[in-house]
PDB file of N, CA and C in Angstrom:
ATOM      1  N   ARG A   1     -13.820 -10.657  31.504  1.00  0.00           N
ATOM      2  CA  ARG A   1     -14.972 -10.193  32.253  1.00  0.00           C
ATOM      3  C   ARG A   1     -15.605  -9.039  31.500  1.00  0.00           C
ATOM      4  N   ARG A   2     -16.917  -9.082  31.484  1.00  0.00           N
ATOM      5  CA  ARG A   2     -17.673  -8.008  30.839  1.00  0.00           C
ATOM      6  C   ARG A   2     -18.795  -7.619  31.805  1.00  0.00           C
ATOM      7  N   VAL A   3     -19.010  -6.315  31.956  1.00  0.00           N
ATOM      8  CA  VAL A   3     -20.076  -5.810  32.821  1.00  0.00           C
ATOM      9  C   VAL A   3     -21.009  -4.981  31.954  1.00  0.00           C
ATOM     10  N   GLU A   4     -22.288  -5.324  32.007  1.00  0.00           N
ATOM     11  CA  GLU A   4     -23.300  -4.614  31.227  1.00  0.00           C
ATOM     12  C   GLU A   4     -24.307  -3.991  32.183  1.00  0.00           C
ATOM     13  N   PHE A   5     -24.719  -2.762  31.876  1.00  0.00           N
ATOM     14  CA  PHE A   5     -25.673  -2.057  32.721  1.00  0.00           C
ATOM     15  C   PHE A   5     -26.920  -1.707  31.938  1.00  0.00           C
ATOM     16  N   SER A   6     -28.024  -1.805  32.612  1.00  0.00           N
ATOM     17  CA  SER A   6     -29.271  -1.250  32.111  1.00  0.00           C
ATOM     18  C   SER A   6     -29.852  -0.450  33.271  1.00  0.00           C
ATOM     19  N   ARG A   7     -30.968   0.126  33.067  1.00  0.00           N
ATOM     20  CA  ARG A   7     -31.579   0.913  34.142  1.00  0.00           C
ATOM     21  C   ARG A   7     -31.908   0.046  35.350  1.00  0.00           C
ATOM     22  N   ASP A   8     -32.299  -1.186  35.113  1.00  0.00           N
ATOM     23  CA  ASP A   8     -32.800  -2.042  36.182  1.00  0.00           C
ATOM     24  C   ASP A   8     -31.863  -3.137  36.664  1.00  0.00           C
ATOM     25  N   GLN A   9     -30.710  -3.312  36.018  1.00  0.00           N
ATOM     26  CA  GLN A   9     -29.830  -4.391  36.454  1.00  0.00           C
ATOM     27  C   GLN A   9     -28.396  -4.199  35.977  1.00  0.00           C
ATOM     28  N   MET A  10     -27.518  -4.927  36.648  1.00  0.00           N
ATOM     29  CA  MET A  10     -26.115  -5.009  36.262  1.00  0.00           C
ATOM     30  C   MET A  10     -25.840  -6.479  35.992  1.00  0.00           C
ATOM     31  N   LYS A  11     -25.270  -6.762  34.847  1.00  0.00           N
ATOM     32  CA  LYS A  11     -24.963  -8.137  34.465  1.00  0.00           C
ATOM     33  C   LYS A  11     -23.447  -8.277  34.371  1.00  0.00           C
ATOM     34  N   VAL A  12     -22.906  -9.278  35.086  1.00  0.00           N
ATOM     35  CA  VAL A  12     -21.475  -9.557  35.077  1.00  0.00           C
ATOM     36  C   VAL A  12     -21.270 -10.888  34.368  1.00  0.00           C
ATOM     37  N   VAL A  13     -20.520 -10.865  33.268  1.00  0.00           N
ATOM     38  CA  VAL A  13     -20.272 -12.062  32.475  1.00  0.00           C
ATOM     39  C   VAL A  13     -18.785 -12.397  32.559  1.00  0.00           C
ATOM     40  N   ASN A  14     -18.476 -13.548  33.116  1.00  0.00           N
ATOM     41  CA  ASN A  14     -17.107 -14.044  33.165  1.00  0.00           C
ATOM     42  C   ASN A  14     -16.998 -15.177  32.163  1.00  0.00           C
ATOM     43  N   GLN A  15     -16.017 -15.069  31.277  1.00  0.00           N
ATOM     44  CA  GLN A  15     -15.861 -16.086  30.237  1.00  0.00           C
ATOM     45  C   GLN A  15     -14.425 -16.580  30.224  1.00  0.00           C
ATOM     46  N   ILE A  16     -14.300 -17.906  30.179  1.00  0.00           N
ATOM     47  CA  ILE A  16     -12.991 -18.544  30.063  1.00  0.00           C
ATOM     48  C   ILE A  16     -13.012 -19.359  28.788  1.00  0.00           C
ATOM     49  N   GLY A  17     -12.272 -18.906  27.801  1.00  0.00           N
ATOM     50  CA  GLY A  17     -12.258 -19.601  26.528  1.00  0.00           C
ATOM     51  C   GLY A  17     -13.592 -19.486  25.813  1.00  0.00           C
ATOM     52  N   PRO A  18     -13.745 -20.238  24.747  1.00  0.00           N
ATOM     53  CA  PRO A  18     -14.975 -20.123  23.954  1.00  0.00           C
ATOM     54  C   PRO A  18     -16.163 -20.896  24.521  1.00  0.00           C
ATOM     55  N   ILE A  19     -15.920 -21.743  25.527  1.00  0.00           N
ATOM     56  CA  ILE A  19     -16.985 -22.629  25.982  1.00  0.00           C
ATOM     57  C   ILE A  19     -17.579 -22.220  27.325  1.00  0.00           C
ATOM     58  N   HIS A  20     -16.760 -21.980  28.321  1.00  0.00           N
ATOM     59  CA  HIS A  20     -17.247 -21.736  29.681  1.00  0.00           C
ATOM     60  C   HIS A  20     -17.605 -20.268  29.890  1.00  0.00           C
ATOM     61  N   GLN A  21     -18.835 -20.030  30.335  1.00  0.00           N
ATOM     62  CA  GLN A  21     -19.288 -18.673  30.615  1.00  0.00           C
ATOM     63  C   GLN A  21     -20.201 -18.699  31.833  1.00  0.00           C
ATOM     64  N   LYS A  22     -19.970 -17.772  32.755  1.00  0.00           N
ATOM     65  CA  LYS A  22     -20.810 -17.644  33.945  1.00  0.00           C
ATOM     66  C   LYS A  22     -21.375 -16.227  33.966  1.00  0.00           C
ATOM     67  N   THR A  23     -22.691 -16.112  34.083  1.00  0.00           N
ATOM     68  CA  THR A  23     -23.351 -14.814  34.099  1.00  0.00           C
ATOM     69  C   THR A  23     -24.080 -14.640  35.427  1.00  0.00           C
ATOM     70  N   GLU A  24     -23.853 -13.494  36.054  1.00  0.00           N
ATOM     71  CA  GLU A  24     -24.561 -13.136  37.274  1.00  0.00           C
ATOM     72  C   GLU A  24     -25.281 -11.819  37.031  1.00  0.00           C
ATOM     73  N   THR A  25     -26.522 -11.723  37.476  1.00  0.00           N
ATOM     74  CA  THR A  25     -27.324 -10.522  37.285  1.00  0.00           C
ATOM     75  C   THR A  25     -27.722  -9.973  38.651  1.00  0.00           C
ATOM     76  N   PHE A  26     -27.580  -8.653  38.800  1.00  0.00           N
ATOM     77  CA  PHE A  26     -27.880  -8.000  40.069  1.00  0.00           C
ATOM     78  C   PHE A  26     -28.786  -6.804  39.831  1.00  0.00           C
ATOM     79  N   GLU A  27     -29.838  -6.719  40.612  1.00  0.00           N
ATOM     80  CA  GLU A  27     -30.665  -5.526  40.631  1.00  0.00           C
ATOM     81  C   GLU A  27     -30.035  -4.558  41.632  1.00  0.00           C
ATOM     82  N   PRO A  28     -30.246  -3.253  41.465  1.00  0.00           N
ATOM     83  CA  PRO A  28     -29.596  -2.285  42.358  1.00  0.00           C
ATOM     84  C   PRO A  28     -29.836  -2.529  43.850  1.00  0.00           C
ATOM     85  N   HIS A  29     -31.016  -3.023  44.224  1.00  0.00           N
ATOM     86  CA  HIS A  29     -31.277  -3.231  45.654  1.00  0.00           C
ATOM     87  C   HIS A  29     -30.460  -4.384  46.242  1.00  0.00           C
ATOM     88  N   LEU A  30     -29.852  -5.215  45.406  1.00  0.00           N
ATOM     89  CA  LEU A  30     -29.001  -6.303  45.875  1.00  0.00           C
ATOM     90  C   LEU A  30     -27.559  -5.867  46.091  1.00  0.00           C
ATOM     91  N   ILE A  31     -27.247  -4.634  45.713  1.00  0.00           N
ATOM     92  CA  ILE A  31     -25.888  -4.109  45.844  1.00  0.00           C
ATOM     93  C   ILE A  31     -25.866  -3.094  46.975  1.00  0.00           C
ATOM     94  N   MET A  32     -25.035  -3.347  47.964  1.00  0.00           N
ATOM     95  CA  MET A  32     -24.923  -2.438  49.101  1.00  0.00           C
ATOM     96  C   MET A  32     -24.054  -1.233  48.753  1.00  0.00           C
ATOM     97  N   GLY A  33     -23.066  -1.442  47.916  1.00  0.00           N
ATOM     98  CA  GLY A  33     -22.169  -0.359  47.544  1.00  0.00           C
ATOM     99  C   GLY A  33     -21.027  -0.873  46.698  1.00  0.00           C
ATOM    100  N   PHE A  34     -20.122   0.029  46.380  1.00  0.00           N
ATOM    101  CA  PHE A  34     -18.961  -0.297  45.560  1.00  0.00           C
ATOM    102  C   PHE A  34     -17.719   0.165  46.303  1.00  0.00           C
ATOM    103  N   LYS A  35     -16.629  -0.545  46.119  1.00  0.00           N
ATOM    104  CA  LYS A  35     -15.379  -0.124  46.748  1.00  0.00           C
ATOM    105  C   LYS A  35     -14.221  -0.342  45.791  1.00  0.00           C
ATOM    106  N   GLN A  36     -13.218   0.475  46.000  1.00  0.00           N
ATOM    107  CA  GLN A  36     -11.966   0.315  45.264  1.00  0.00           C
ATOM    108  C   GLN A  36     -10.914  -0.115  46.264  1.00  0.00           C
ATOM    109  N   GLU A  37      -9.973  -0.899  45.803  1.00  0.00           N
ATOM    110  CA  GLU A  37      -8.926  -1.363  46.705  1.00  0.00           C
ATOM    111  C   GLU A  37      -7.698  -1.777  45.919  1.00  0.00           C
ATOM    112  N   VAL A  38      -6.571  -1.739  46.603  1.00  0.00           N
ATOM    113  CA  VAL A  38      -5.334  -2.268  46.040  1.00  0.00           C
ATOM    114  C   VAL A  38      -5.355  -3.761  46.291  1.00  0.00           C
ATOM    115  N   TYR A  39      -5.158  -4.550  45.245  1.00  0.00           N
ATOM    116  CA  TYR A  39      -5.157  -5.997  45.442  1.00  0.00           C
ATOM    117  C   TYR A  39      -3.797  -6.624  45.176  1.00  0.00           C
ATOM    118  N   MET A  40      -2.867  -5.814  44.626  1.00  0.00           N
ATOM    119  CA  MET A  40      -1.546  -6.349  44.351  1.00  0.00           C
ATOM    120  C   MET A  40      -0.585  -5.195  44.117  1.00  0.00           C
ATOM    121  N   THR A  41       0.663  -5.390  44.512  1.00  0.00           N
ATOM    122  CA  THR A  41       1.706  -4.435  44.166  1.00  0.00           C
ATOM    123  C   THR A  41       2.872  -5.207  43.557  1.00  0.00           C
ATOM    124  N   SER A  42       3.516  -4.576  42.608  1.00  0.00           N
ATOM    125  CA  SER A  42       4.684  -5.164  41.966  1.00  0.00           C
ATOM    126  C   SER A  42       5.700  -4.055  41.775  1.00  0.00           C
ATOM    127  N   ASN A  43       6.874  -4.254  42.352  1.00  0.00           N
ATOM    128  CA  ASN A  43       7.885  -3.198  42.397  1.00  0.00           C
ATOM    129  C   ASN A  43       7.241  -1.975  43.038  1.00  0.00           C
ATOM    130  N   SER A  44       7.125  -0.876  42.345  1.00  0.00           N
ATOM    131  CA  SER A  44       6.503   0.317  42.933  1.00  0.00           C
ATOM    132  C   SER A  44       5.129   0.608  42.318  1.00  0.00           C
ATOM    133  N   THR A  45       4.540  -0.368  41.649  1.00  0.00           N
ATOM    134  CA  THR A  45       3.244  -0.180  41.005  1.00  0.00           C
ATOM    135  C   THR A  45       2.151  -0.875  41.806  1.00  0.00           C
ATOM    136  N   ALA A  46       1.104  -0.117  42.112  1.00  0.00           N
ATOM    137  CA  ALA A  46      -0.065  -0.678  42.789  1.00  0.00           C
ATOM    138  C   ALA A  46      -1.138  -0.966  41.744  1.00  0.00           C
ATOM    139  N   TYR A  47      -1.826  -2.073  41.899  1.00  0.00           N
ATOM    140  CA  TYR A  47      -2.908  -2.459  41.000  1.00  0.00           C
ATOM    141  C   TYR A  47      -4.222  -2.402  41.769  1.00  0.00           C
ATOM    142  N   TYR A  48      -5.192  -1.717  41.196  1.00  0.00           N
ATOM    143  CA  TYR A  48      -6.473  -1.485  41.846  1.00  0.00           C
ATOM    144  C   TYR A  48      -7.570  -2.323  41.195  1.00  0.00           C
ATOM    145  N   ARG A  49      -8.595  -2.602  42.001  1.00  0.00           N
ATOM    146  CA  ARG A  49      -9.795  -3.234  41.482  1.00  0.00           C
ATOM    147  C   ARG A  49     -11.001  -2.527  42.081  1.00  0.00           C
ATOM    148  N   VAL A  50     -12.117  -2.653  41.389  1.00  0.00           N
ATOM    149  CA  VAL A  50     -13.387  -2.113  41.866  1.00  0.00           C
ATOM    150  C   VAL A  50     -14.329  -3.295  42.026  1.00  0.00           C
ATOM    151  N   ARG A  51     -14.954  -3.360  43.200  1.00  0.00           N
ATOM    152  CA  ARG A  51     -15.840  -4.474  43.514  1.00  0.00           C
ATOM    153  C   ARG A  51     -17.202  -3.973  43.965  1.00  0.00           C
ATOM    154  N   ALA A  52     -18.210  -4.779  43.690  1.00  0.00           N
ATOM    155  CA  ALA A  52     -19.554  -4.534  44.201  1.00  0.00           C
ATOM    156  C   ALA A  52     -19.705  -5.366  45.466  1.00  0.00           C
ATOM    157  N   GLU A  53     -20.277  -4.758  46.502  1.00  0.00           N
ATOM    158  CA  GLU A  53     -20.575  -5.475  47.736  1.00  0.00           C
ATOM    159  C   GLU A  53     -22.068  -5.804  47.714  1.00  0.00           C
ATOM    160  N   THR A  54     -22.391  -7.080  47.754  1.00  0.00           N
ATOM    161  CA  THR A  54     -23.785  -7.505  47.615  1.00  0.00           C
ATOM    162  C   THR A  54     -24.429  -7.731  48.981  1.00  0.00           C
ATOM    163  N   THR A  55     -25.739  -7.813  48.982  1.00  0.00           N
ATOM    164  CA  THR A  55     -26.478  -8.021  50.230  1.00  0.00           C
ATOM    165  C   THR A  55     -26.224  -9.392  50.832  1.00  0.00           C
ATOM    166  N   TYR A  56     -25.791 -10.359  50.035  1.00  0.00           N
ATOM    167  CA  TYR A  56     -25.512 -11.683  50.578  1.00  0.00           C
ATOM    168  C   TYR A  56     -24.032 -11.916  50.827  1.00  0.00           C
ATOM    169  N   GLY A  57     -23.267 -10.818  50.940  1.00  0.00           N
ATOM    170  CA  GLY A  57     -21.889 -10.889  51.415  1.00  0.00           C
ATOM    171  C   GLY A  57     -20.842 -11.347  50.432  1.00  0.00           C
ATOM    172  N   LYS A  58     -21.202 -11.496  49.184  1.00  0.00           N
ATOM    173  CA  LYS A  58     -20.228 -11.956  48.194  1.00  0.00           C
ATOM    174  C   LYS A  58     -19.746 -10.760  47.375  1.00  0.00           C
ATOM    175  N   PRO A  59     -18.468 -10.356  47.547  1.00  0.00           N
ATOM    176  CA  PRO A  59     -17.974  -9.259  46.721  1.00  0.00           C
ATOM    177  C   PRO A  59     -17.760  -9.739  45.280  1.00  0.00           C
ATOM    178  N   ILE A  60     -18.155  -8.910  44.334  1.00  0.00           N
ATOM    179  CA  ILE A  60     -18.039  -9.244  42.919  1.00  0.00           C
ATOM    180  C   ILE A  60     -17.049  -8.276  42.281  1.00  0.00           C
ATOM    181  N   THR A  61     -15.969  -8.788  41.719  1.00  0.00           N
ATOM    182  CA  THR A  61     -14.997  -7.938  41.041  1.00  0.00           C
ATOM    183  C   THR A  61     -15.561  -7.515  39.691  1.00  0.00           C
ATOM    184  N   LEU A  62     -15.593  -6.191  39.477  1.00  0.00           N
ATOM    185  CA  LEU A  62     -16.121  -5.646  38.236  1.00  0.00           C
ATOM    186  C   LEU A  62     -15.005  -5.228  37.292  1.00  0.00           C
ATOM    187  N   ALA A  63     -13.916  -4.734  37.841  1.00  0.00           N
ATOM    188  CA  ALA A  63     -12.773  -4.312  37.024  1.00  0.00           C
ATOM    189  C   ALA A  63     -11.517  -4.461  37.868  1.00  0.00           C
ATOM    190  N   ASP A  64     -10.432  -4.864  37.240  1.00  0.00           N
ATOM    191  CA  ASP A  64      -9.159  -4.950  37.950  1.00  0.00           C
ATOM    192  C   ASP A  64      -8.024  -4.619  36.999  1.00  0.00           C
ATOM    193  N   GLY A  65      -6.834  -4.545  37.538  1.00  0.00           N
ATOM    194  CA  GLY A  65      -5.663  -4.264  36.721  1.00  0.00           C
ATOM    195  C   GLY A  65      -5.408  -2.788  36.476  1.00  0.00           C
ATOM    196  N   MET A  66      -6.155  -1.913  37.135  1.00  0.00           N
ATOM    197  CA  MET A  66      -5.950  -0.475  36.953  1.00  0.00           C
ATOM    198  C   MET A  66      -4.737  -0.032  37.762  1.00  0.00           C
ATOM    199  N   THR A  67      -3.882   0.759  37.162  1.00  0.00           N
ATOM    200  CA  THR A  67      -2.678   1.227  37.847  1.00  0.00           C
ATOM    201  C   THR A  67      -2.805   2.662  38.325  1.00  0.00           C
ATOM    202  N   ASN A  68      -3.955   3.263  38.108  1.00  0.00           N
ATOM    203  CA  ASN A  68      -4.174   4.645  38.518  1.00  0.00           C
ATOM    204  C   ASN A  68      -5.309   4.685  39.534  1.00  0.00           C
ATOM    205  N   GLU A  69      -5.015   5.168  40.730  1.00  0.00           N
ATOM    206  CA  GLU A  69      -6.025   5.217  41.787  1.00  0.00           C
ATOM    207  C   GLU A  69      -7.197   6.119  41.418  1.00  0.00           C
ATOM    208  N   THR A  70      -6.910   7.216  40.731  1.00  0.00           N
ATOM    209  CA  THR A  70      -7.965   8.147  40.328  1.00  0.00           C
ATOM    210  C   THR A  70      -8.946   7.482  39.368  1.00  0.00           C
ATOM    211  N   THR A  71      -8.462   6.674  38.457  1.00  0.00           N
ATOM    212  CA  THR A  71      -9.325   5.955  37.520  1.00  0.00           C
ATOM    213  C   THR A  71     -10.245   5.005  38.275  1.00  0.00           C
ATOM    214  N   ALA A  72      -9.690   4.272  39.222  1.00  0.00           N
ATOM    215  CA  ALA A  72     -10.494   3.339  40.017  1.00  0.00           C
ATOM    216  C   ALA A  72     -11.544   4.095  40.829  1.00  0.00           C
ATOM    217  N   GLU A  73     -11.170   5.223  41.392  1.00  0.00           N
ATOM    218  CA  GLU A  73     -12.114   6.004  42.188  1.00  0.00           C
ATOM    219  C   GLU A  73     -13.241   6.572  41.326  1.00  0.00           C
ATOM    220  N   LYS A  74     -12.906   7.053  40.143  1.00  0.00           N
ATOM    221  CA  LYS A  74     -13.935   7.587  39.235  1.00  0.00           C
ATOM    222  C   LYS A  74     -14.908   6.490  38.808  1.00  0.00           C
ATOM    223  N   LEU A  75     -14.390   5.308  38.536  1.00  0.00           N
ATOM    224  CA  LEU A  75     -15.263   4.188  38.176  1.00  0.00           C
ATOM    225  C   LEU A  75     -16.192   3.850  39.339  1.00  0.00           C
ATOM    226  N   LYS A  76     -15.636   3.769  40.535  1.00  0.00           N
ATOM    227  CA  LYS A  76     -16.455   3.482  41.729  1.00  0.00           C
ATOM    228  C   LYS A  76     -17.548   4.532  41.892  1.00  0.00           C
ATOM    229  N   ASN A  77     -17.214   5.796  41.725  1.00  0.00           N
ATOM    230  CA  ASN A  77     -18.195   6.869  41.864  1.00  0.00           C
ATOM    231  C   ASN A  77     -19.279   6.794  40.788  1.00  0.00           C
ATOM    232  N   SER A  78     -18.904   6.440  39.570  1.00  0.00           N
ATOM    233  CA  SER A  78     -19.887   6.283  38.489  1.00  0.00           C
ATOM    234  C   SER A  78     -20.839   5.136  38.781  1.00  0.00           C
ATOM    235  N   LEU A  79     -20.314   4.046  39.310  1.00  0.00           N
ATOM    236  CA  LEU A  79     -21.157   2.904  39.663  1.00  0.00           C
ATOM    237  C   LEU A  79     -22.114   3.270  40.793  1.00  0.00           C
ATOM    238  N   GLN A  80     -21.625   4.016  41.773  1.00  0.00           N
ATOM    239  CA  GLN A  80     -22.487   4.443  42.873  1.00  0.00           C
ATOM    240  C   GLN A  80     -23.595   5.352  42.363  1.00  0.00           C
ATOM    241  N   ALA A  81     -23.277   6.227  41.422  1.00  0.00           N
ATOM    242  CA  ALA A  81     -24.292   7.108  40.834  1.00  0.00           C
ATOM    243  C   ALA A  81     -25.350   6.296  40.097  1.00  0.00           C
ATOM    244  N   TRP A  82     -24.939   5.246  39.388  1.00  0.00           N
ATOM    245  CA  TRP A  82     -25.901   4.360  38.711  1.00  0.00           C
ATOM    246  C   TRP A  82     -26.861   3.749  39.728  1.00  0.00           C
ATOM    247  N   LYS A  83     -26.326   3.275  40.833  1.00  0.00           N
ATOM    248  CA  LYS A  83     -27.156   2.648  41.859  1.00  0.00           C
ATOM    249  C   LYS A  83     -28.145   3.648  42.455  1.00  0.00           C
ATOM    250  N   GLN A  84     -27.714   4.848  42.675  1.00  0.00           N
ATOM    251  CA  GLN A  84     -28.574   5.861  43.317  1.00  0.00           C
ATOM    252  C   GLN A  84     -29.663   6.390  42.396  1.00  0.00           C
ATOM    253  N   ARG A  85     -29.517   6.232  41.088  1.00  0.00           N
ATOM    254  CA  ARG A  85     -30.545   6.690  40.145  1.00  0.00           C
ATOM    255  C   ARG A  85     -31.837   5.915  40.284  1.00  0.00           C
ATOM    256  N   ARG A  86     -31.782   4.781  40.876  1.00  0.00           N
ATOM    257  CA  ARG A  86     -32.977   3.939  41.037  1.00  0.00           C
ATOM    258  C   ARG A  86     -33.875   4.444  42.101  1.00  0.00           C
TER     259      ARG A  86
END
């Protein structure tokens, strides 16, 4: 997964192997907000992800596999700041 930002849009590119690629583009007004959450635990390790909540109810995972809650929170806050700059 790759996430690209410009002033006017966020592009999420999911690629599986060299052939299959799915790209979704979102303008800031289509994003209601961002959230961080624990999506898995293994032994005593929690794994966090950051998702965008869209106006049409489909959450989009932007990053996952983070083992530090502070890192996930900082990413969420940075994404929210990007949205508010518009």
